[in-house]
Amino acid sequence: MDVNDRRLRELYARWLDGTTQAGFAISLVAFLLYVGGVLRPMYRWRTCRGTGRYPCTDLSKMTGAPSGWAWLGELRYGDALNLAAVALLGLVTPVCYAG
Protein backbone atom coordinates (compact mmCIF):
# COMPACT_ATOMS: atom_id res chain seq x y z
CA MET A 1 0.00 0.00 0.00
CA ASP A 2 1.39 3.32 -1.05
CA VAL A 3 0.69 6.20 1.34
CA ASN A 4 1.02 8.62 -1.56
CA ASP A 5 -1.91 6.99 -3.37
CA ARG A 6 -4.57 9.69 -3.67
CA ARG A 7 -7.41 7.14 -3.82
CA LEU A 8 -6.38 5.62 -0.47
CA ARG A 9 -6.04 9.02 1.17
CA GLU A 10 -9.51 10.02 -0.02
CA LEU A 11 -10.96 6.73 1.21
CA TYR A 12 -9.36 7.27 4.61
CA ALA A 13 -10.69 10.84 4.71
CA ARG A 14 -14.23 9.68 3.90
CA TRP A 15 -14.09 7.03 6.63
CA LEU A 16 -12.63 9.56 9.07
CA ASP A 17 -15.37 12.07 8.29
CA GLY A 18 -18.16 9.50 8.63
CA THR A 19 -16.94 7.87 11.83
CA THR A 20 -16.18 11.21 13.46
CA GLN A 21 -19.63 12.56 12.65
CA ALA A 22 -21.27 9.35 13.90
CA GLY A 23 -19.20 9.43 17.09
CA PHE A 24 -20.13 13.05 17.71
CA ALA A 25 -23.83 12.33 17.13
CA ILE A 26 -23.76 9.33 19.49
CA SER A 27 -21.95 11.38 22.14
CA LEU A 28 -24.42 14.24 21.79
CA VAL A 29 -27.45 11.95 22.10
CA ALA A 30 -25.94 10.18 25.13
CA PHE A 31 -25.20 13.52 26.78
CA LEU A 32 -28.68 14.90 26.11
CA LEU A 33 -30.30 11.73 27.49
CA TYR A 34 -28.18 12.07 30.62
CA VAL A 35 -28.60 15.82 31.16
CA GLY A 36 -32.27 15.72 30.21
CA GLY A 37 -32.96 13.18 32.92
CA VAL A 38 -34.23 10.52 30.51
CA LEU A 39 -31.62 8.10 31.83
CA ARG A 40 -30.87 8.21 35.51
CA PRO A 41 -27.24 8.25 36.64
CA MET A 42 -25.56 5.24 38.16
CA TYR A 43 -24.07 7.45 40.87
CA ARG A 44 -25.51 10.49 42.56
CA TRP A 45 -23.33 13.59 42.89
CA ARG A 46 -23.48 13.31 46.67
CA THR A 47 -21.96 9.84 46.41
CA CYS A 48 -19.07 11.03 44.25
CA ARG A 49 -18.25 14.24 46.10
CA GLY A 50 -14.87 14.00 47.83
CA THR A 51 -14.01 10.57 46.43
CA GLY A 52 -11.08 11.80 44.34
CA ARG A 53 -8.62 11.23 47.15
CA TYR A 54 -9.25 7.48 47.38
CA PRO A 55 -7.44 4.77 45.39
CA CYS A 56 -9.50 3.02 42.70
CA THR A 57 -9.83 -0.18 44.73
CA ASP A 58 -11.32 1.68 47.70
CA LEU A 59 -13.53 3.79 45.48
CA SER A 60 -14.85 0.69 43.73
CA LYS A 61 -15.76 -0.88 47.07
CA MET A 62 -17.40 2.33 48.34
CA THR A 63 -19.58 2.87 45.29
CA GLY A 64 -20.10 -0.70 44.11
CA ALA A 65 -18.74 0.26 40.70
CA PRO A 66 -18.27 -2.59 38.24
CA SER A 67 -14.74 -3.56 37.31
CA GLY A 68 -13.26 -4.72 34.03
CA TRP A 69 -15.72 -5.08 31.19
CA ALA A 70 -18.69 -5.27 33.57
CA TRP A 71 -19.43 -1.58 32.92
CA LEU A 72 -20.97 -2.64 29.59
CA GLY A 73 -23.84 -4.14 31.56
CA GLU A 74 -24.60 -0.72 33.02
CA LEU A 75 -25.44 1.07 29.76
CA ARG A 76 -28.98 1.67 30.99
CA TYR A 77 -27.54 4.50 33.11
CA GLY A 78 -26.74 7.90 31.62
CA ASP A 79 -23.21 8.21 32.95
CA ALA A 80 -22.24 4.73 31.72
CA LEU A 81 -23.73 5.49 28.30
CA ASN A 82 -21.56 8.61 28.10
CA LEU A 83 -18.52 6.50 28.95
CA ALA A 84 -19.41 4.13 26.11
CA ALA A 85 -19.77 7.07 23.70
CA VAL A 86 -16.29 8.31 24.60
CA ALA A 87 -14.91 4.77 24.20
CA LEU A 88 -16.45 4.63 20.70
CA LEU A 89 -14.58 7.80 19.75
CA GLY A 90 -11.37 5.94 20.57
CA LEU A 91 -12.23 3.45 17.81
CA VAL A 92 -12.35 6.06 15.03
CA THR A 93 -8.72 5.66 13.93
CA PRO A 94 -8.64 1.83 13.93
CA VAL A 95 -11.90 1.75 11.96
CA CYS A 96 -10.48 4.21 9.42
CA TYR A 97 -7.31 2.13 9.02
CA ALA A 98 -9.42 -0.98 8.55
CA GLY A 99 -11.41 0.80 5.85
PDB file of N, CA and C in Angstrom:
ATOM      1  N   MET A   1       0.849  -1.174   0.000  1.00  0.00           N
ATOM      2  CA  MET A   1       0.000   0.000   0.000  1.00  0.00           C
ATOM      3  C   MET A   1       0.894   1.237   0.000  1.00  0.00           C
ATOM      4  N   ASP A   2       0.608   2.100  -0.899  1.00  0.00           N
ATOM      5  CA  ASP A   2       1.390   3.324  -1.053  1.00  0.00           C
ATOM      6  C   ASP A   2       0.657   4.482  -0.373  1.00  0.00           C
ATOM      7  N   VAL A   3       1.324   5.100   0.606  1.00  0.00           N
ATOM      8  CA  VAL A   3       0.685   6.198   1.336  1.00  0.00           C
ATOM      9  C   VAL A   3       0.500   7.439   0.471  1.00  0.00           C
ATOM     10  N   ASN A   4       1.167   7.481  -0.652  1.00  0.00           N
ATOM     11  CA  ASN A   4       1.018   8.624  -1.559  1.00  0.00           C
ATOM     12  C   ASN A   4      -0.120   8.419  -2.548  1.00  0.00           C
ATOM     13  N   ASP A   5      -0.803   7.288  -2.472  1.00  0.00           N
ATOM     14  CA  ASP A   5      -1.913   6.994  -3.373  1.00  0.00           C
ATOM     15  C   ASP A   5      -3.111   7.874  -3.007  1.00  0.00           C
ATOM     16  N   ARG A   6      -3.491   8.732  -3.923  1.00  0.00           N
ATOM     17  CA  ARG A   6      -4.572   9.688  -3.670  1.00  0.00           C
ATOM     18  C   ARG A   6      -5.888   8.975  -3.351  1.00  0.00           C
ATOM     19  N   ARG A   7      -6.169   7.877  -4.022  1.00  0.00           N
ATOM     20  CA  ARG A   7      -7.407   7.144  -3.821  1.00  0.00           C
ATOM     21  C   ARG A   7      -7.496   6.619  -2.380  1.00  0.00           C
ATOM     22  N   LEU A   8      -6.394   6.118  -1.840  1.00  0.00           N
ATOM     23  CA  LEU A   8      -6.384   5.617  -0.468  1.00  0.00           C
ATOM     24  C   LEU A   8      -6.528   6.748   0.549  1.00  0.00           C
ATOM     25  N   ARG A   9      -5.900   7.879   0.266  1.00  0.00           N
ATOM     26  CA  ARG A   9      -6.036   9.024   1.167  1.00  0.00           C
ATOM     27  C   ARG A   9      -7.472   9.533   1.194  1.00  0.00           C
ATOM     28  N   GLU A  10      -8.117   9.582   0.037  1.00  0.00           N
ATOM     29  CA  GLU A  10      -9.510  10.022  -0.025  1.00  0.00           C
ATOM     30  C   GLU A  10     -10.447   9.034   0.669  1.00  0.00           C
ATOM     31  N   LEU A  11     -10.178   7.752   0.513  1.00  0.00           N
ATOM     32  CA  LEU A  11     -10.964   6.732   1.207  1.00  0.00           C
ATOM     33  C   LEU A  11     -10.829   6.880   2.716  1.00  0.00           C
ATOM     34  N   TYR A  12      -9.597   7.066   3.185  1.00  0.00           N
ATOM     35  CA  TYR A  12      -9.357   7.265   4.610  1.00  0.00           C
ATOM     36  C   TYR A  12     -10.085   8.519   5.107  1.00  0.00           C
ATOM     37  N   ALA A  13     -10.028   9.586   4.316  1.00  0.00           N
ATOM     38  CA  ALA A  13     -10.687  10.844   4.709  1.00  0.00           C
ATOM     39  C   ALA A  13     -12.199  10.666   4.788  1.00  0.00           C
ATOM     40  N   ARG A  14     -12.783   9.924   3.853  1.00  0.00           N
ATOM     41  CA  ARG A  14     -14.229   9.678   3.903  1.00  0.00           C
ATOM     42  C   ARG A  14     -14.599   8.872   5.146  1.00  0.00           C
ATOM     43  N   TRP A  15     -13.836   7.838   5.430  1.00  0.00           N
ATOM     44  CA  TRP A  15     -14.090   7.033   6.634  1.00  0.00           C
ATOM     45  C   TRP A  15     -13.911   7.884   7.884  1.00  0.00           C
ATOM     46  N   LEU A  16     -12.880   8.702   7.916  1.00  0.00           N
ATOM     47  CA  LEU A  16     -12.634   9.562   9.065  1.00  0.00           C
ATOM     48  C   LEU A  16     -13.789  10.535   9.273  1.00  0.00           C
ATOM     49  N   ASP A  17     -14.253  11.129   8.197  1.00  0.00           N
ATOM     50  CA  ASP A  17     -15.367  12.065   8.288  1.00  0.00           C
ATOM     51  C   ASP A  17     -16.627  11.362   8.800  1.00  0.00           C
ATOM     52  N   GLY A  18     -16.946  10.220   8.235  1.00  0.00           N
ATOM     53  CA  GLY A  18     -18.156   9.501   8.625  1.00  0.00           C
ATOM     54  C   GLY A  18     -18.124   9.001  10.058  1.00  0.00           C
ATOM     55  N   THR A  19     -17.027   8.406  10.460  1.00  0.00           N
ATOM     56  CA  THR A  19     -16.942   7.866  11.826  1.00  0.00           C
ATOM     57  C   THR A  19     -16.880   8.981  12.862  1.00  0.00           C
ATOM     58  N   THR A  20     -16.238  10.087  12.528  1.00  0.00           N
ATOM     59  CA  THR A  20     -16.180  11.206  13.462  1.00  0.00           C
ATOM     60  C   THR A  20     -17.564  11.826  13.647  1.00  0.00           C
ATOM     61  N   GLN A  21     -18.283  12.009  12.551  1.00  0.00           N
ATOM     62  CA  GLN A  21     -19.630  12.560  12.654  1.00  0.00           C
ATOM     63  C   GLN A  21     -20.556  11.619  13.426  1.00  0.00           C
ATOM     64  N   ALA A  22     -20.447  10.319  13.163  1.00  0.00           N
ATOM     65  CA  ALA A  22     -21.267   9.346  13.896  1.00  0.00           C
ATOM     66  C   ALA A  22     -20.917   9.349  15.378  1.00  0.00           C
ATOM     67  N   GLY A  23     -19.627   9.388  15.690  1.00  0.00           N
ATOM     68  CA  GLY A  23     -19.200   9.430  17.089  1.00  0.00           C
ATOM     69  C   GLY A  23     -19.691  10.673  17.801  1.00  0.00           C
ATOM     70  N   PHE A  24     -19.643  11.811  17.119  1.00  0.00           N
ATOM     71  CA  PHE A  24     -20.133  13.051  17.712  1.00  0.00           C
ATOM     72  C   PHE A  24     -21.633  12.966  17.961  1.00  0.00           C
ATOM     73  N   ALA A  25     -22.371  12.441  16.990  1.00  0.00           N
ATOM     74  CA  ALA A  25     -23.828  12.331  17.133  1.00  0.00           C
ATOM     75  C   ALA A  25     -24.188  11.394  18.290  1.00  0.00           C
ATOM     76  N   ILE A  26     -23.498  10.275  18.396  1.00  0.00           N
ATOM     77  CA  ILE A  26     -23.757   9.334  19.491  1.00  0.00           C
ATOM     78  C   ILE A  26     -23.439   9.987  20.835  1.00  0.00           C
ATOM     79  N   SER A  27     -22.323  10.697  20.904  1.00  0.00           N
ATOM     80  CA  SER A  27     -21.947  11.381  22.142  1.00  0.00           C
ATOM     81  C   SER A  27     -22.969  12.449  22.516  1.00  0.00           C
ATOM     82  N   LEU A  28     -23.432  13.193  21.532  1.00  0.00           N
ATOM     83  CA  LEU A  28     -24.415  14.244  21.787  1.00  0.00           C
ATOM     84  C   LEU A  28     -25.733  13.659  22.293  1.00  0.00           C
ATOM     85  N   VAL A  29     -26.199  12.593  21.670  1.00  0.00           N
ATOM     86  CA  VAL A  29     -27.448  11.949  22.102  1.00  0.00           C
ATOM     87  C   VAL A  29     -27.296  11.399  23.519  1.00  0.00           C
ATOM     88  N   ALA A  30     -26.170  10.728  23.794  1.00  0.00           N
ATOM     89  CA  ALA A  30     -25.940  10.183  25.132  1.00  0.00           C
ATOM     90  C   ALA A  30     -25.919  11.294  26.176  1.00  0.00           C
ATOM     91  N   PHE A  31     -25.267  12.403  25.853  1.00  0.00           N
ATOM     92  CA  PHE A  31     -25.197  13.522  26.782  1.00  0.00           C
ATOM     93  C   PHE A  31     -26.579  14.127  27.028  1.00  0.00           C
ATOM     94  N   LEU A  32     -27.346  14.313  25.959  1.00  0.00           N
ATOM     95  CA  LEU A  32     -28.682  14.896  26.106  1.00  0.00           C
ATOM     96  C   LEU A  32     -29.616  13.979  26.897  1.00  0.00           C
ATOM     97  N   LEU A  33     -29.500  12.672  26.705  1.00  0.00           N
ATOM     98  CA  LEU A  33     -30.298  11.731  27.487  1.00  0.00           C
ATOM     99  C   LEU A  33     -29.939  11.813  28.968  1.00  0.00           C
ATOM    100  N   TYR A  34     -28.661  11.990  29.237  1.00  0.00           N
ATOM    101  CA  TYR A  34     -28.180  12.070  30.617  1.00  0.00           C
ATOM    102  C   TYR A  34     -28.594  13.386  31.272  1.00  0.00           C
ATOM    103  N   VAL A  35     -28.303  14.502  30.606  1.00  0.00           N
ATOM    104  CA  VAL A  35     -28.603  15.819  31.161  1.00  0.00           C
ATOM    105  C   VAL A  35     -30.111  16.065  31.215  1.00  0.00           C
ATOM    106  N   GLY A  36     -30.829  15.540  30.249  1.00  0.00           N
ATOM    107  CA  GLY A  36     -32.273  15.721  30.211  1.00  0.00           C
ATOM    108  C   GLY A  36     -33.027  14.875  31.223  1.00  0.00           C
ATOM    109  N   GLY A  37     -32.327  14.002  31.905  1.00  0.00           N
ATOM    110  CA  GLY A  37     -32.960  13.180  32.924  1.00  0.00           C
ATOM    111  C   GLY A  37     -33.717  11.976  32.386  1.00  0.00           C
ATOM    112  N   VAL A  38     -33.566  11.691  31.096  1.00  0.00           N
ATOM    113  CA  VAL A  38     -34.228  10.524  30.512  1.00  0.00           C
ATOM    114  C   VAL A  38     -33.627   9.249  31.091  1.00  0.00           C
ATOM    115  N   LEU A  39     -32.312   9.232  31.212  1.00  0.00           N
ATOM    116  CA  LEU A  39     -31.618   8.100  31.828  1.00  0.00           C
ATOM    117  C   LEU A  39     -31.057   8.547  33.171  1.00  0.00           C
ATOM    118  N   ARG A  40     -31.379   7.817  34.197  1.00  0.00           N
ATOM    119  CA  ARG A  40     -30.872   8.207  35.512  1.00  0.00           C
ATOM    120  C   ARG A  40     -29.399   7.836  35.639  1.00  0.00           C
ATOM    121  N   PRO A  41     -28.660   8.553  36.460  1.00  0.00           N
ATOM    122  CA  PRO A  41     -27.238   8.252  36.638  1.00  0.00           C
ATOM    123  C   PRO A  41     -27.033   7.024  37.528  1.00  0.00           C
ATOM    124  N   MET A  42     -25.927   6.374  37.325  1.00  0.00           N
ATOM    125  CA  MET A  42     -25.563   5.239  38.161  1.00  0.00           C
ATOM    126  C   MET A  42     -25.174   5.727  39.559  1.00  0.00           C
ATOM    127  N   TYR A  43     -24.539   6.882  39.610  1.00  0.00           N
ATOM    128  CA  TYR A  43     -24.068   7.447  40.868  1.00  0.00           C
ATOM    129  C   TYR A  43     -24.628   8.849  41.050  1.00  0.00           C
ATOM    130  N   ARG A  44     -25.044   9.151  42.229  1.00  0.00           N
ATOM    131  CA  ARG A  44     -25.513  10.495  42.564  1.00  0.00           C
ATOM    132  C   ARG A  44     -24.296  11.367  42.852  1.00  0.00           C
ATOM    133  N   TRP A  45     -24.444  12.674  42.643  1.00  0.00           N
ATOM    134  CA  TRP A  45     -23.331  13.594  42.894  1.00  0.00           C
ATOM    135  C   TRP A  45     -22.887  13.537  44.354  1.00  0.00           C
ATOM    136  N   ARG A  46     -23.840  13.373  45.245  1.00  0.00           N
ATOM    137  CA  ARG A  46     -23.478  13.312  46.672  1.00  0.00           C
ATOM    138  C   ARG A  46     -22.582  12.119  46.957  1.00  0.00           C
ATOM    139  N   THR A  47     -22.784  11.033  46.237  1.00  0.00           N
ATOM    140  CA  THR A  47     -21.962   9.837  46.413  1.00  0.00           C
ATOM    141  C   THR A  47     -20.541  10.078  45.935  1.00  0.00           C
ATOM    142  N   CYS A  48     -20.389  10.839  44.869  1.00  0.00           N
ATOM    143  CA  CYS A  48     -19.074  11.032  44.248  1.00  0.00           C
ATOM    144  C   CYS A  48     -18.275  12.167  44.862  1.00  0.00           C
ATOM    145  N   ARG A  49     -18.942  13.072  45.554  1.00  0.00           N
ATOM    146  CA  ARG A  49     -18.253  14.240  46.099  1.00  0.00           C
ATOM    147  C   ARG A  49     -17.178  13.813  47.099  1.00  0.00           C
ATOM    148  N   GLY A  50     -15.968  14.271  46.912  1.00  0.00           N
ATOM    149  CA  GLY A  50     -14.871  14.003  47.832  1.00  0.00           C
ATOM    150  C   GLY A  50     -14.219  12.646  47.661  1.00  0.00           C
ATOM    151  N   THR A  51     -14.577  11.904  46.606  1.00  0.00           N
ATOM    152  CA  THR A  51     -14.005  10.568  46.434  1.00  0.00           C
ATOM    153  C   THR A  51     -12.706  10.574  45.643  1.00  0.00           C
ATOM    154  N   GLY A  52     -12.287  11.719  45.150  1.00  0.00           N
ATOM    155  CA  GLY A  52     -11.078  11.796  44.336  1.00  0.00           C
ATOM    156  C   GLY A  52      -9.798  11.490  45.088  1.00  0.00           C
ATOM    157  N   ARG A  53      -9.842  11.478  46.382  1.00  0.00           N
ATOM    158  CA  ARG A  53      -8.621  11.231  47.152  1.00  0.00           C
ATOM    159  C   ARG A  53      -8.402   9.756  47.463  1.00  0.00           C
ATOM    160  N   TYR A  54      -9.355   8.911  47.078  1.00  0.00           N
ATOM    161  CA  TYR A  54      -9.248   7.481  47.376  1.00  0.00           C
ATOM    162  C   TYR A  54      -8.657   6.713  46.199  1.00  0.00           C
ATOM    163  N   PRO A  55      -7.921   5.635  46.481  1.00  0.00           N
ATOM    164  CA  PRO A  55      -7.436   4.767  45.388  1.00  0.00           C
ATOM    165  C   PRO A  55      -8.616   4.077  44.701  1.00  0.00           C
ATOM    166  N   CYS A  56      -8.416   3.636  43.484  1.00  0.00           N
ATOM    167  CA  CYS A  56      -9.496   3.017  42.702  1.00  0.00           C
ATOM    168  C   CYS A  56     -10.106   1.811  43.407  1.00  0.00           C
ATOM    169  N   THR A  57      -9.286   1.009  44.065  1.00  0.00           N
ATOM    170  CA  THR A  57      -9.829  -0.180  44.730  1.00  0.00           C
ATOM    171  C   THR A  57     -10.785   0.207  45.851  1.00  0.00           C
ATOM    172  N   ASP A  58     -10.422   1.221  46.634  1.00  0.00           N
ATOM    173  CA  ASP A  58     -11.317   1.677  47.703  1.00  0.00           C
ATOM    174  C   ASP A  58     -12.566   2.329  47.139  1.00  0.00           C
ATOM    175  N   LEU A  59     -12.397   3.116  46.106  1.00  0.00           N
ATOM    176  CA  LEU A  59     -13.528   3.795  45.485  1.00  0.00           C
ATOM    177  C   LEU A  59     -14.515   2.781  44.908  1.00  0.00           C
ATOM    178  N   SER A  60     -13.996   1.733  44.297  1.00  0.00           N
ATOM    179  CA  SER A  60     -14.849   0.692  43.734  1.00  0.00           C
ATOM    180  C   SER A  60     -15.666  -0.004  44.822  1.00  0.00           C
ATOM    181  N   LYS A  61     -15.045  -0.243  45.952  1.00  0.00           N
ATOM    182  CA  LYS A  61     -15.762  -0.877  47.068  1.00  0.00           C
ATOM    183  C   LYS A  61     -16.811   0.069  47.656  1.00  0.00           C
ATOM    184  N   MET A  62     -16.482   1.353  47.750  1.00  0.00           N
ATOM    185  CA  MET A  62     -17.396   2.333  48.338  1.00  0.00           C
ATOM    186  C   MET A  62     -18.649   2.533  47.486  1.00  0.00           C
ATOM    187  N   THR A  63     -18.463   2.564  46.171  1.00  0.00           N
ATOM    188  CA  THR A  63     -19.584   2.874  45.285  1.00  0.00           C
ATOM    189  C   THR A  63     -20.240   1.639  44.680  1.00  0.00           C
ATOM    190  N   GLY A  64     -19.571   0.508  44.755  1.00  0.00           N
ATOM    191  CA  GLY A  64     -20.095  -0.696  44.113  1.00  0.00           C
ATOM    192  C   GLY A  64     -19.935  -0.655  42.603  1.00  0.00           C
ATOM    193  N   ALA A  65     -18.969   0.121  42.139  1.00  0.00           N
ATOM    194  CA  ALA A  65     -18.739   0.263  40.702  1.00  0.00           C
ATOM    195  C   ALA A  65     -18.263  -1.058  40.104  1.00  0.00           C
ATOM    196  N   PRO A  66     -18.718  -1.363  38.891  1.00  0.00           N
ATOM    197  CA  PRO A  66     -18.266  -2.588  38.239  1.00  0.00           C
ATOM    198  C   PRO A  66     -16.806  -2.471  37.825  1.00  0.00           C
ATOM    199  N   SER A  67     -16.136  -3.582  37.727  1.00  0.00           N
ATOM    200  CA  SER A  67     -14.735  -3.564  37.309  1.00  0.00           C
ATOM    201  C   SER A  67     -14.593  -4.326  35.996  1.00  0.00           C
ATOM    202  N   GLY A  68     -13.504  -4.060  35.311  1.00  0.00           N
ATOM    203  CA  GLY A  68     -13.257  -4.719  34.031  1.00  0.00           C
ATOM    204  C   GLY A  68     -14.303  -4.333  32.996  1.00  0.00           C
ATOM    205  N   TRP A  69     -14.741  -5.312  32.239  1.00  0.00           N
ATOM    206  CA  TRP A  69     -15.724  -5.085  31.186  1.00  0.00           C
ATOM    207  C   TRP A  69     -17.147  -5.075  31.703  1.00  0.00           C
ATOM    208  N   ALA A  70     -17.340  -5.223  32.995  1.00  0.00           N
ATOM    209  CA  ALA A  70     -18.687  -5.270  33.575  1.00  0.00           C
ATOM    210  C   ALA A  70     -19.445  -3.959  33.385  1.00  0.00           C
ATOM    211  N   TRP A  71     -18.744  -2.860  33.109  1.00  0.00           N
ATOM    212  CA  TRP A  71     -19.427  -1.584  32.916  1.00  0.00           C
ATOM    213  C   TRP A  71     -20.344  -1.616  31.691  1.00  0.00           C
ATOM    214  N   LEU A  72     -20.101  -2.539  30.760  1.00  0.00           N
ATOM    215  CA  LEU A  72     -20.966  -2.642  29.586  1.00  0.00           C
ATOM    216  C   LEU A  72     -22.385  -3.061  29.967  1.00  0.00           C
ATOM    217  N   GLY A  73     -22.523  -3.751  31.084  1.00  0.00           N
ATOM    218  CA  GLY A  73     -23.837  -4.139  31.557  1.00  0.00           C
ATOM    219  C   GLY A  73     -24.609  -3.002  32.201  1.00  0.00           C
ATOM    220  N   GLU A  74     -23.982  -1.872  32.362  1.00  0.00           N
ATOM    221  CA  GLU A  74     -24.600  -0.717  33.023  1.00  0.00           C
ATOM    222  C   GLU A  74     -24.994   0.382  32.043  1.00  0.00           C
ATOM    223  N   LEU A  75     -25.138   0.058  30.775  1.00  0.00           N
ATOM    224  CA  LEU A  75     -25.438   1.070  29.758  1.00  0.00           C
ATOM    225  C   LEU A  75     -26.841   1.647  29.879  1.00  0.00           C
ATOM    226  N   ARG A  76     -27.635   1.108  30.772  1.00  0.00           N
ATOM    227  CA  ARG A  76     -28.977   1.673  30.990  1.00  0.00           C
ATOM    228  C   ARG A  76     -28.909   2.965  31.803  1.00  0.00           C
ATOM    229  N   TYR A  77     -27.748   3.272  32.343  1.00  0.00           N
ATOM    230  CA  TYR A  77     -27.536   4.503  33.111  1.00  0.00           C
ATOM    231  C   TYR A  77     -26.883   5.561  32.229  1.00  0.00           C
ATOM    232  N   GLY A  78     -27.243   6.808  32.448  1.00  0.00           N
ATOM    233  CA  GLY A  78     -26.741   7.898  31.624  1.00  0.00           C
ATOM    234  C   GLY A  78     -25.242   8.092  31.680  1.00  0.00           C
ATOM    235  N   ASP A  79     -24.656   7.981  32.867  1.00  0.00           N
ATOM    236  CA  ASP A  79     -23.213   8.206  32.953  1.00  0.00           C
ATOM    237  C   ASP A  79     -22.425   7.073  32.303  1.00  0.00           C
ATOM    238  N   ALA A  80     -22.917   5.846  32.372  1.00  0.00           N
ATOM    239  CA  ALA A  80     -22.241   4.727  31.718  1.00  0.00           C
ATOM    240  C   ALA A  80     -22.386   4.825  30.201  1.00  0.00           C
ATOM    241  N   LEU A  81     -23.527   5.311  29.737  1.00  0.00           N
ATOM    242  CA  LEU A  81     -23.727   5.486  28.299  1.00  0.00           C
ATOM    243  C   LEU A  81     -22.779   6.547  27.751  1.00  0.00           C
ATOM    244  N   ASN A  82     -22.536   7.597  28.515  1.00  0.00           N
ATOM    245  CA  ASN A  82     -21.563   8.609  28.097  1.00  0.00           C
ATOM    246  C   ASN A  82     -20.158   8.031  28.042  1.00  0.00           C
ATOM    247  N   LEU A  83     -19.822   7.162  28.977  1.00  0.00           N
ATOM    248  CA  LEU A  83     -18.520   6.501  28.952  1.00  0.00           C
ATOM    249  C   LEU A  83     -18.381   5.654  27.688  1.00  0.00           C
ATOM    250  N   ALA A  84     -19.441   4.949  27.328  1.00  0.00           N
ATOM    251  CA  ALA A  84     -19.406   4.132  26.112  1.00  0.00           C
ATOM    252  C   ALA A  84     -19.242   5.008  24.871  1.00  0.00           C
ATOM    253  N   ALA A  85     -19.887   6.164  24.846  1.00  0.00           N
ATOM    254  CA  ALA A  85     -19.769   7.066  23.699  1.00  0.00           C
ATOM    255  C   ALA A  85     -18.336   7.566  23.548  1.00  0.00           C
ATOM    256  N   VAL A  86     -17.689   7.871  24.648  1.00  0.00           N
ATOM    257  CA  VAL A  86     -16.293   8.306  24.598  1.00  0.00           C
ATOM    258  C   VAL A  86     -15.397   7.151  24.148  1.00  0.00           C
ATOM    259  N   ALA A  87     -15.688   5.949  24.611  1.00  0.00           N
ATOM    260  CA  ALA A  87     -14.911   4.772  24.199  1.00  0.00           C
ATOM    261  C   ALA A  87     -15.056   4.539  22.694  1.00  0.00           C
ATOM    262  N   LEU A  88     -16.250   4.779  22.145  1.00  0.00           N
ATOM    263  CA  LEU A  88     -16.447   4.632  20.705  1.00  0.00           C
ATOM    264  C   LEU A  88     -15.602   5.621  19.918  1.00  0.00           C
ATOM    265  N   LEU A  89     -15.422   6.821  20.437  1.00  0.00           N
ATOM    266  CA  LEU A  89     -14.575   7.798  19.746  1.00  0.00           C
ATOM    267  C   LEU A  89     -13.131   7.311  19.648  1.00  0.00           C
ATOM    268  N   GLY A  90     -12.714   6.506  20.618  1.00  0.00           N
ATOM    269  CA  GLY A  90     -11.370   5.937  20.566  1.00  0.00           C
ATOM    270  C   GLY A  90     -11.189   4.918  19.448  1.00  0.00           C
ATOM    271  N   LEU A  91     -12.295   4.439  18.893  1.00  0.00           N
ATOM    272  CA  LEU A  91     -12.230   3.450  17.810  1.00  0.00           C
ATOM    273  C   LEU A  91     -12.208   4.077  16.424  1.00  0.00           C
ATOM    274  N   VAL A  92     -12.291   5.387  16.340  1.00  0.00           N
ATOM    275  CA  VAL A  92     -12.351   6.055  15.032  1.00  0.00           C
ATOM    276  C   VAL A  92     -11.121   5.732  14.195  1.00  0.00           C
ATOM    277  N   THR A  93      -9.936   5.894  14.714  1.00  0.00           N
ATOM    278  CA  THR A  93      -8.722   5.660  13.930  1.00  0.00           C
ATOM    279  C   THR A  93      -8.575   4.208  13.497  1.00  0.00           C
ATOM    280  N   PRO A  94      -8.740   3.219  14.409  1.00  0.00           N
ATOM    281  CA  PRO A  94      -8.638   1.828  13.928  1.00  0.00           C
ATOM    282  C   PRO A  94      -9.670   1.482  12.864  1.00  0.00           C
ATOM    283  N   VAL A  95     -10.871   2.018  12.964  1.00  0.00           N
ATOM    284  CA  VAL A  95     -11.903   1.754  11.961  1.00  0.00           C
ATOM    285  C   VAL A  95     -11.485   2.358  10.619  1.00  0.00           C
ATOM    286  N   CYS A  96     -10.921   3.558  10.655  1.00  0.00           N
ATOM    287  CA  CYS A  96     -10.476   4.209   9.418  1.00  0.00           C
ATOM    288  C   CYS A  96      -9.327   3.427   8.768  1.00  0.00           C
ATOM    289  N   TYR A  97      -8.405   2.929   9.576  1.00  0.00           N
ATOM    290  CA  TYR A  97      -7.307   2.128   9.022  1.00  0.00           C
ATOM    291  C   TYR A  97      -7.831   0.839   8.429  1.00  0.00           C
ATOM    292  N   ALA A  98      -8.834   0.249   9.071  1.00  0.00           N
ATOM    293  CA  ALA A  98      -9.420  -0.985   8.550  1.00  0.00           C
ATOM    294  C   ALA A  98     -10.113  -0.733   7.214  1.00  0.00           C
ATOM    295  N   GLY A  99     -10.724   0.452   7.101  1.00  0.00           N
ATOM    296  CA  GLY A  99     -11.412   0.801   5.855  1.00  0.00           C
ATOM    297  C   GLY A  99     -10.429   0.963   4.725  1.00  0.00           C
TER     298      GLY A  99
END
